Structure formats: structure tokens, C-alpha cells
Amino acid sequence: MRPFSLIDYYMRIYAALLLLLFLKPVLASESSLLDYKLGSGDLINIVVFGELDLSLEVRLSDAGTVSYPFLGELKVNGLTSRDLEHLLTEGLKGDYLVEPRVNVSIKEYRQFFIAGEVANPGGFEYSPGLTLRKAIALAGGFTERASKSKMYVIAGSGNDKKIQMSLGDLVKPGDTVTIEQSFF
């Protein structure tokens, strides 16, 4: 076994920095999903450990509600999955269970929509890390009249503000993207 050299040390640091450079976009998109607000159309999986009757998979209604055993109709629109875990834990604690352990995960995100100068406008399934470039590819690509600089999004959060986008920007569930026509 050869001794550890200064070159080996620098090569390991270089490799670690390269790894961080490539992981940064993935980690950024994952951290933004931790703050993801539930909305109508999301399919969620609720697991209460040791209680099969209280574990279920449910799609949020148009009103952003779910019907849950013992607790009735719960308004979950705008909550994060952690907020919902806390709500369910507190609701089940005491009368129903001593120490409920609840896990909420998102099985399917609500669709995003793309309109304008793409081959197949419409609603598409969202997946984490979705960029505008990938969204356009899902919609069949640009038409020949599409503007590569006039691309806008209206966030699915209910704010009707139109924000300009570039191809590397992230698209979120519920967003509506519009690709406008080019004049030339």
C-alpha cells in the first residue's frame, strides 16, 4: 500500500467539490418540495403505524379536503405534509390512540399545465425537478412559431401574477405555463 500523498488529498477534495456541484440542483429541488403546499388533485398516502384501518390513500377534492376516519372532513389545502401529520397526530391522540405515529407522503402531485406555442398543450403529470425545458419536451416541443424568450408562468398558488421564465427554471405542480408566439 503506497503512502497518502498531497496529490491524493487534492484529488479527493476536487472530487468532493464536483459531487457537491452536481448535487446542488437536486438538493435545492428536494428542499423546495419539503415546503410543498397540498392542493386539490394531489394524491396522498397516510400511514398510521400499527393501525391499518386508519391508513389510506386519498386524492384531495376540488375543495382541498379529505374525509378521514374518526375526524371527518379535514381541510388540508395549503398545508404541508408535515402540517397534516401534526393535525392527524393531534386529532387521533387521546380518544383514539395513546401515541399515534403518522406519516404523510405525496404519491402523485397535481398536474401542471402548458399552453400556447407547443405541439401538444394541456395538463401533464408533475415530477420533482421538472424544469421548463422538460415541460416543453413533455408537451411535444416548440412549434415553429414559438418564442424562445416569451415564456411565462402563473403559479398554481392562486396568485395570478405572470412571471417570465427561462428554460432552466423549475415548474411546480399546479403551475400554468404559456409559450407565446415569436414575431419572426
Protein backbone atom coordinates (compact mmCIF):
# COMPACT_ATOMS: atom_id res chain seq x y z
CA MET A 1 0.00 0.00 0.00
CA ARG A 2 1.50 3.31 -1.04
CA PRO A 3 1.56 6.28 1.35
CA PHE A 4 -1.07 9.00 1.19
CA SER A 5 0.28 11.93 -0.85
CA LEU A 6 -0.64 15.58 -1.16
CA ILE A 7 -1.85 14.91 -4.71
CA ASP A 8 -4.26 12.24 -3.39
CA TYR A 9 -5.54 14.75 -0.85
CA TYR A 10 -6.23 17.42 -3.50
CA MET A 11 -7.83 14.90 -5.85
CA ARG A 12 -10.25 13.85 -3.12
CA ILE A 13 -11.16 17.47 -2.37
CA TYR A 14 -11.65 18.11 -6.10
CA ALA A 15 -13.90 15.04 -6.42
CA ALA A 16 -15.95 16.12 -3.38
CA LEU A 17 -16.43 19.63 -4.82
CA LEU A 18 -17.54 18.19 -8.17
CA LEU A 19 -20.03 15.95 -6.39
CA LEU A 20 -21.47 18.93 -4.49
CA LEU A 21 -21.72 20.92 -7.72
CA PHE A 22 -23.84 18.21 -9.34
CA LEU A 23 -25.95 17.50 -6.23
CA LYS A 24 -26.82 21.15 -5.51
CA PRO A 25 -29.72 21.41 -8.06
CA VAL A 26 -31.15 18.07 -6.88
CA LEU A 27 -30.95 19.09 -3.22
CA ALA A 28 -32.49 22.51 -3.99
CA SER A 29 -35.49 20.95 -5.74
CA GLU A 30 -35.95 18.42 -2.93
CA SER A 31 -35.82 21.11 -0.22
CA SER A 32 -38.43 23.17 -2.06
CA LEU A 33 -40.73 20.12 -2.00
CA LEU A 34 -40.44 19.92 1.80
CA ASP A 35 -42.35 23.22 1.87
CA TYR A 36 -44.80 21.99 -0.79
CA LYS A 37 -48.36 23.04 -0.03
CA LEU A 38 -51.02 20.42 -0.66
CA GLY A 39 -53.78 21.29 -3.11
CA SER A 40 -56.73 19.79 -4.95
CA GLY A 41 -55.68 16.96 -7.21
CA ASP A 42 -52.76 15.74 -5.08
CA LEU A 43 -52.82 12.04 -4.23
CA ILE A 44 -51.53 11.49 -0.71
CA ASN A 45 -50.70 8.39 1.29
CA ILE A 46 -51.47 8.50 5.03
CA VAL A 47 -49.94 5.78 7.19
CA VAL A 48 -50.70 5.38 10.89
CA PHE A 49 -48.18 2.82 12.09
CA GLY A 50 -49.85 -0.26 13.56
CA GLU A 51 -53.35 0.89 12.52
CA LEU A 52 -54.28 -0.45 9.07
CA ASP A 53 -57.86 0.89 9.35
CA LEU A 54 -56.52 4.44 9.70
CA SER A 55 -54.02 4.20 6.82
CA LEU A 56 -55.31 5.26 3.43
CA GLU A 57 -54.51 6.68 0.03
CA VAL A 58 -56.71 9.62 -0.96
CA ARG A 59 -56.87 12.33 -3.62
CA LEU A 60 -57.64 15.84 -2.37
CA SER A 61 -61.06 17.03 -3.52
CA ASP A 62 -61.66 20.20 -5.53
CA ALA A 63 -62.24 21.95 -2.20
CA GLY A 64 -58.87 20.70 -0.90
CA THR A 65 -60.38 18.39 1.68
CA VAL A 66 -60.09 14.75 2.69
CA SER A 67 -62.53 12.56 4.58
CA TYR A 68 -60.68 10.80 7.39
CA PRO A 69 -61.98 8.10 9.78
CA PHE A 70 -63.00 9.42 13.24
CA LEU A 71 -62.02 13.00 12.31
CA GLY A 72 -64.44 13.63 9.43
CA GLU A 73 -63.86 16.13 6.64
CA LEU A 74 -60.48 17.86 7.02
CA LYS A 75 -59.46 20.98 5.10
CA VAL A 76 -55.85 20.30 4.10
CA ASN A 77 -55.47 22.72 1.18
CA GLY A 78 -52.37 24.84 1.80
CA LEU A 79 -50.90 22.55 4.46
CA THR A 80 -47.53 20.83 4.06
CA SER A 81 -47.34 17.06 4.57
CA ARG A 82 -45.70 17.73 7.96
CA ASP A 83 -48.56 20.06 8.93
CA LEU A 84 -51.04 17.32 8.03
CA GLU A 85 -49.05 14.74 10.02
CA HIS A 86 -49.27 17.02 13.07
CA LEU A 87 -53.01 17.66 12.54
CA LEU A 88 -53.75 13.93 12.31
CA THR A 89 -51.50 13.06 15.25
CA GLU A 90 -53.22 15.62 17.47
CA GLY A 91 -56.69 14.56 16.26
CA LEU A 92 -56.07 10.87 16.95
CA LYS A 93 -54.22 11.32 20.24
CA GLY A 94 -56.13 10.65 23.43
CA ASP A 95 -59.61 9.45 22.45
CA TYR A 96 -58.44 7.01 19.78
CA LEU A 97 -54.74 6.26 20.25
CA VAL A 98 -52.20 6.85 23.00
CA GLU A 99 -49.16 7.80 20.87
CA PRO A 100 -50.10 7.77 17.18
CA ARG A 101 -47.24 7.76 14.71
CA VAL A 102 -48.43 9.28 11.44
CA ASN A 103 -46.62 9.61 8.12
CA VAL A 104 -47.99 11.57 5.17
CA SER A 105 -46.35 11.29 1.75
CA ILE A 106 -47.30 12.61 -1.66
CA LYS A 107 -47.85 9.78 -4.11
CA GLU A 108 -48.88 11.93 -7.10
CA TYR A 109 -48.60 15.67 -7.43
CA ARG A 110 -51.34 17.66 -9.14
CA GLN A 111 -50.80 18.38 -12.80
CA PHE A 112 -49.07 21.38 -14.29
CA PHE A 113 -50.45 22.95 -17.47
CA ILE A 114 -48.73 24.27 -20.58
CA ALA A 115 -50.42 26.35 -23.27
CA GLY A 116 -49.51 28.37 -26.32
CA GLU A 117 -46.90 27.50 -28.89
CA VAL A 118 -46.17 23.87 -28.03
CA ALA A 119 -47.11 20.84 -30.10
CA ASN A 120 -49.48 19.31 -27.51
CA PRO A 121 -50.78 21.85 -24.98
CA GLY A 122 -52.61 20.52 -21.93
CA GLY A 123 -52.16 19.12 -18.43
CA PHE A 124 -49.24 16.86 -17.60
CA GLU A 125 -48.10 14.81 -14.63
CA TYR A 126 -45.60 16.65 -12.44
CA SER A 127 -42.38 15.04 -11.23
CA PRO A 128 -39.84 16.59 -8.84
CA GLY A 129 -37.04 18.54 -10.53
CA LEU A 130 -39.20 19.44 -13.55
CA THR A 131 -37.69 22.35 -15.49
CA LEU A 132 -39.38 24.41 -18.18
CA ARG A 133 -37.19 22.69 -20.79
CA LYS A 134 -38.50 19.26 -19.66
CA ALA A 135 -42.09 20.54 -19.50
CA ILE A 136 -41.85 21.75 -23.11
CA ALA A 137 -40.44 18.35 -24.12
CA LEU A 138 -43.41 16.62 -22.43
CA ALA A 139 -45.71 18.86 -24.48
CA GLY A 140 -44.07 17.76 -27.73
CA GLY A 141 -41.62 20.64 -28.07
CA PHE A 142 -41.94 24.14 -29.50
CA THR A 143 -43.99 24.90 -32.60
CA GLU A 144 -42.16 26.69 -35.40
CA ARG A 145 -43.76 29.99 -34.33
CA ALA A 146 -42.78 29.71 -30.65
CA SER A 147 -40.85 32.49 -28.97
CA LYS A 148 -37.84 31.21 -27.03
CA SER A 149 -37.84 34.38 -24.90
CA LYS A 150 -41.53 34.99 -24.17
CA MET A 151 -42.29 32.17 -21.76
CA TYR A 152 -44.40 32.88 -18.68
CA VAL A 153 -45.81 31.07 -15.67
CA ILE A 154 -48.79 31.75 -13.45
CA ALA A 155 -48.08 29.93 -10.20
CA GLY A 156 -50.59 27.35 -9.04
CA SER A 157 -50.65 29.01 -5.62
CA GLY A 158 -53.58 31.21 -6.61
CA ASN A 159 -51.55 34.31 -7.39
CA ASP A 160 -52.47 35.41 -10.94
CA LYS A 161 -49.18 37.26 -11.47
CA LYS A 162 -47.48 36.36 -14.76
CA ILE A 163 -43.73 35.74 -14.28
CA GLN A 164 -41.21 35.42 -17.11
CA MET A 165 -39.31 32.13 -17.21
CA SER A 166 -36.20 30.72 -18.79
CA LEU A 167 -35.65 27.11 -19.87
CA GLY A 168 -33.77 26.14 -16.68
CA ASP A 169 -36.42 27.45 -14.25
CA LEU A 170 -38.38 24.95 -12.17
CA VAL A 171 -42.06 24.30 -12.85
CA LYS A 172 -44.21 23.41 -9.84
CA PRO A 173 -47.43 21.40 -9.52
CA GLY A 174 -50.49 23.43 -10.46
CA ASP A 175 -48.46 25.98 -12.47
CA THR A 176 -49.76 27.19 -15.82
CA VAL A 177 -47.00 27.88 -18.36
CA THR A 178 -47.63 29.89 -21.52
CA ILE A 179 -45.30 29.94 -24.52
CA GLU A 180 -46.06 32.94 -26.71
CA GLN A 181 -45.58 33.45 -30.45
CA SER A 182 -42.48 34.97 -31.95
CA PHE A 183 -42.93 37.79 -34.44
CA PHE A 184 -40.26 36.42 -36.77
